[in-house]
């Protein structure tokens, strides 16, 4: 079964760090660009970061630029999102998807609807 599984969320104080993982099951993640998105209560899902298939291109939303880092571990079939200097406004459910194209100016969905994992909750207390 082809699926993505997110993990690594939790409760952290403002200024703290978390590392989220997006693990591919049933397919090779390295063949795809990967995007991280988040959805806060009552708000639409919004893109946070993405990484291209060759890992030569990454993109970050302005709200996380300089604080978050996306990376890929081919051996573990995993894409990570390292989140530092967390703020209460980072509180959301975080999702990853392989149904994106990633460029230096942003991302675009390549399939509608995109397939998502179950998400992982990140809560940042003030």
C-alpha atoms as a PDB file:
ATOM      1  CA  UNK A   1       0.000   0.000   0.000  1.00  0.00           C
ATOM      2  CA  UNK A   2       1.375   3.383  -1.031  1.00  0.00           C
ATOM      3  CA  UNK A   3       1.224   5.949   1.729  1.00  0.00           C
ATOM      4  CA  UNK A   4       3.034   8.701   3.575  1.00  0.00           C
ATOM      5  CA  UNK A   5       3.354   8.715   7.334  1.00  0.00           C
ATOM      6  CA  UNK A   6       4.178  11.871   9.268  1.00  0.00           C
ATOM      7  CA  UNK A   7       5.565  11.854  12.797  1.00  0.00           C
ATOM      8  CA  UNK A   8       7.608  13.902  15.227  1.00  0.00           C
ATOM      9  CA  UNK A   9       5.053  16.430  16.348  1.00  0.00           C
ATOM     10  CA  UNK A  10       4.421  17.351  19.949  1.00  0.00           C
ATOM     11  CA  UNK A  11       4.071  20.092  22.502  1.00  0.00           C
ATOM     12  CA  UNK A  12       6.978  22.516  22.799  1.00  0.00           C
ATOM     13  CA  UNK A  13       7.552  25.924  24.308  1.00  0.00           C
ATOM     14  CA  UNK A  14       8.132  28.954  22.142  1.00  0.00           C
ATOM     15  CA  UNK A  15      11.746  29.046  21.024  1.00  0.00           C
ATOM     16  CA  UNK A  16      12.029  25.287  21.057  1.00  0.00           C
ATOM     17  CA  UNK A  17      12.660  22.820  18.239  1.00  0.00           C
ATOM     18  CA  UNK A  18      11.052  19.771  16.680  1.00  0.00           C
ATOM     19  CA  UNK A  19      11.980  17.541  13.771  1.00  0.00           C
ATOM     20  CA  UNK A  20       9.158  16.140  11.703  1.00  0.00           C
ATOM     21  CA  UNK A  21       9.537  13.028   9.572  1.00  0.00           C
ATOM     22  CA  UNK A  22       7.695  12.034   6.418  1.00  0.00           C
ATOM     23  CA  UNK A  23       8.252   8.362   5.644  1.00  0.00           C
ATOM     24  CA  UNK A  24       7.276   6.767   2.378  1.00  0.00           C
ATOM     25  CA  UNK A  25       5.693   3.322   2.479  1.00  0.00           C
ATOM     26  CA  UNK A  26       5.264   1.227  -0.629  1.00  0.00           C
ATOM     27  CA  UNK A  27       7.177   3.585  -2.890  1.00  0.00           C
ATOM     28  CA  UNK A  28      10.534   5.335  -3.177  1.00  0.00           C
ATOM     29  CA  UNK A  29      10.318   8.858  -1.836  1.00  0.00           C
ATOM     30  CA  UNK A  30      13.472   9.815  -3.678  1.00  0.00           C
ATOM     31  CA  UNK A  31      11.573   9.736  -6.975  1.00  0.00           C
ATOM     32  CA  UNK A  32       9.310  12.569  -5.883  1.00  0.00           C
ATOM     33  CA  UNK A  33       9.396  16.166  -4.818  1.00  0.00           C
ATOM     34  CA  UNK A  34       7.989  16.446  -1.318  1.00  0.00           C
ATOM     35  CA  UNK A  35       6.042  19.279   0.209  1.00  0.00           C
ATOM     36  CA  UNK A  36       5.259  20.044   3.829  1.00  0.00           C
ATOM     37  CA  UNK A  37       1.996  21.820   4.548  1.00  0.00           C
ATOM     38  CA  UNK A  38       0.209  22.829   7.721  1.00  0.00           C
ATOM     39  CA  UNK A  39      -3.340  23.515   8.766  1.00  0.00           C
ATOM     40  CA  UNK A  40      -4.237  25.527  11.831  1.00  0.00           C
ATOM     41  CA  UNK A  41      -7.716  25.271  13.386  1.00  0.00           C
ATOM     42  CA  UNK A  42     -10.272  27.092  11.276  1.00  0.00           C
ATOM     43  CA  UNK A  43      -7.781  27.881   8.531  1.00  0.00           C
ATOM     44  CA  UNK A  44      -6.949  26.469   5.129  1.00  0.00           C
ATOM     45  CA  UNK A  45      -4.040  24.141   4.585  1.00  0.00           C
ATOM     46  CA  UNK A  46      -0.978  26.163   3.614  1.00  0.00           C
ATOM     47  CA  UNK A  47       2.380  25.263   2.139  1.00  0.00           C
ATOM     48  CA  UNK A  48       5.416  25.523   4.393  1.00  0.00           C
ATOM     49  CA  UNK A  49       8.340  24.075   2.471  1.00  0.00           C
ATOM     50  CA  UNK A  50       9.247  21.752  -0.376  1.00  0.00           C
ATOM     51  CA  UNK A  51      12.225  19.900  -1.782  1.00  0.00           C
ATOM     52  CA  UNK A  52      12.774  18.870  -5.385  1.00  0.00           C
ATOM     53  CA  UNK A  53      13.434  15.343  -6.627  1.00  0.00           C
ATOM     54  CA  UNK A  54      17.140  16.032  -7.047  1.00  0.00           C
ATOM     55  CA  UNK A  55      17.366  17.880  -3.721  1.00  0.00           C
ATOM     56  CA  UNK A  56      18.940  20.799  -5.555  1.00  0.00           C
ATOM     57  CA  UNK A  57      15.956  23.018  -4.923  1.00  0.00           C
ATOM     58  CA  UNK A  58      14.219  23.879  -1.695  1.00  0.00           C
ATOM     59  CA  UNK A  59      11.606  26.499  -0.998  1.00  0.00           C
ATOM     60  CA  UNK A  60      10.297  28.031   2.208  1.00  0.00           C
ATOM     61  CA  UNK A  61       7.295  30.153   2.947  1.00  0.00           C
ATOM     62  CA  UNK A  62       8.264  33.578   4.276  1.00  0.00           C
ATOM     63  CA  UNK A  63       6.737  32.705   7.637  1.00  0.00           C
ATOM     64  CA  UNK A  64       9.326  29.960   8.262  1.00  0.00           C
ATOM     65  CA  UNK A  65      12.312  31.163   6.233  1.00  0.00           C
ATOM     66  CA  UNK A  66      15.469  30.989   8.333  1.00  0.00           C
ATOM     67  CA  UNK A  67      13.846  28.834  11.022  1.00  0.00           C
ATOM     68  CA  UNK A  68      12.851  25.635   9.204  1.00  0.00           C
ATOM     69  CA  UNK A  69      15.040  23.315   7.136  1.00  0.00           C
ATOM     70  CA  UNK A  70      13.842  20.573   4.821  1.00  0.00           C
ATOM     71  CA  UNK A  71      16.102  17.639   3.996  1.00  0.00           C
ATOM     72  CA  UNK A  72      15.998  14.113   2.645  1.00  0.00           C
ATOM     73  CA  UNK A  73      17.569  10.841   3.819  1.00  0.00           C
ATOM     74  CA  UNK A  74      17.486   8.480   0.865  1.00  0.00           C
ATOM     75  CA  UNK A  75      18.584   5.450   2.884  1.00  0.00           C
ATOM     76  CA  UNK A  76      15.672   5.925   5.286  1.00  0.00           C
ATOM     77  CA  UNK A  77      13.173   6.880   2.572  1.00  0.00           C
ATOM     78  CA  UNK A  78      12.379   9.911   4.698  1.00  0.00           C
ATOM     79  CA  UNK A  79      12.047  13.657   4.294  1.00  0.00           C
ATOM     80  CA  UNK A  80      12.568  15.751   7.409  1.00  0.00           C
ATOM     81  CA  UNK A  81      11.421  19.184   8.458  1.00  0.00           C
ATOM     82  CA  UNK A  82      13.677  20.619  11.140  1.00  0.00           C
ATOM     83  CA  UNK A  83      11.815  23.370  12.946  1.00  0.00           C
ATOM     84  CA  UNK A  84      13.757  25.762  15.161  1.00  0.00           C
ATOM     85  CA  UNK A  85      12.789  28.926  17.025  1.00  0.00           C
ATOM     86  CA  UNK A  86       9.200  27.788  17.079  1.00  0.00           C
ATOM     87  CA  UNK A  87       6.449  30.336  17.612  1.00  0.00           C
ATOM     88  CA  UNK A  88       2.869  29.907  18.841  1.00  0.00           C
ATOM     89  CA  UNK A  89       1.689  30.731  15.316  1.00  0.00           C
ATOM     90  CA  UNK A  90       3.433  27.567  14.085  1.00  0.00           C
ATOM     91  CA  UNK A  91       0.795  25.548  15.928  1.00  0.00           C
ATOM     92  CA  UNK A  92      -0.982  23.343  13.370  1.00  0.00           C
ATOM     93  CA  UNK A  93      -1.313  19.852  12.006  1.00  0.00           C
ATOM     94  CA  UNK A  94       1.573  19.245   9.623  1.00  0.00           C
ATOM     95  CA  UNK A  95       1.172  17.112   6.513  1.00  0.00           C
ATOM     96  CA  UNK A  96       3.466  15.953   3.747  1.00  0.00           C
ATOM     97  CA  UNK A  97       2.619  15.105   0.164  1.00  0.00           C
ATOM     98  CA  UNK A  98       4.450  13.729  -2.859  1.00  0.00           C
ATOM     99  CA  UNK A  99       1.972  15.334  -5.276  1.00  0.00           C
ATOM    100  CA  UNK A 100       3.874  18.568  -5.750  1.00  0.00           C
ATOM    101  CA  UNK A 101       6.403  20.142  -8.045  1.00  0.00           C
ATOM    102  CA  UNK A 102       8.984  22.247  -6.217  1.00  0.00           C
ATOM    103  CA  UNK A 103      10.860  25.201  -7.680  1.00  0.00           C
ATOM    104  CA  UNK A 104      12.799  28.164  -6.397  1.00  0.00           C
ATOM    105  CA  UNK A 105       9.657  30.306  -6.464  1.00  0.00           C
ATOM    106  CA  UNK A 106       7.303  27.858  -4.804  1.00  0.00           C
ATOM    107  CA  UNK A 107       5.334  24.704  -5.429  1.00  0.00           C
ATOM    108  CA  UNK A 108       2.469  23.493  -7.541  1.00  0.00           C
ATOM    109  CA  UNK A 109       0.235  20.504  -7.118  1.00  0.00           C
ATOM    110  CA  UNK A 110       0.666  17.901  -9.832  1.00  0.00           C
ATOM    111  CA  UNK A 111      -2.375  15.871  -8.840  1.00  0.00           C
ATOM    112  CA  UNK A 112      -5.810  16.863  -7.634  1.00  0.00           C
ATOM    113  CA  UNK A 113      -6.731  16.021  -5.043  1.00  0.00           C
ATOM    114  CA  UNK A 114      -3.309  15.496  -3.562  1.00  0.00           C
ATOM    115  CA  UNK A 115      -2.708  12.469  -1.373  1.00  0.00           C
ATOM    116  CA  UNK A 116      -1.837  13.215   2.253  1.00  0.00           C
ATOM    117  CA  UNK A 117      -0.670  11.345   5.280  1.00  0.00           C
ATOM    118  CA  UNK A 118      -2.592  11.459   8.546  1.00  0.00           C
ATOM    119  CA  UNK A 119      -0.637  14.474   9.766  1.00  0.00           C
ATOM    120  CA  UNK A 120       1.219  15.194  12.974  1.00  0.00           C
ATOM    121  CA  UNK A 121       0.156  17.785  15.535  1.00  0.00           C
ATOM    122  CA  UNK A 122       2.569  20.546  16.502  1.00  0.00           C
ATOM    123  CA  UNK A 123       1.606  22.744  19.438  1.00  0.00           C
ATOM    124  CA  UNK A 124       3.785  25.653  20.515  1.00  0.00           C
ATOM    125  CA  UNK A 125       2.988  27.238  23.851  1.00  0.00           C
ATOM    126  CA  UNK A 126       3.827  30.849  24.663  1.00  0.00           C
END
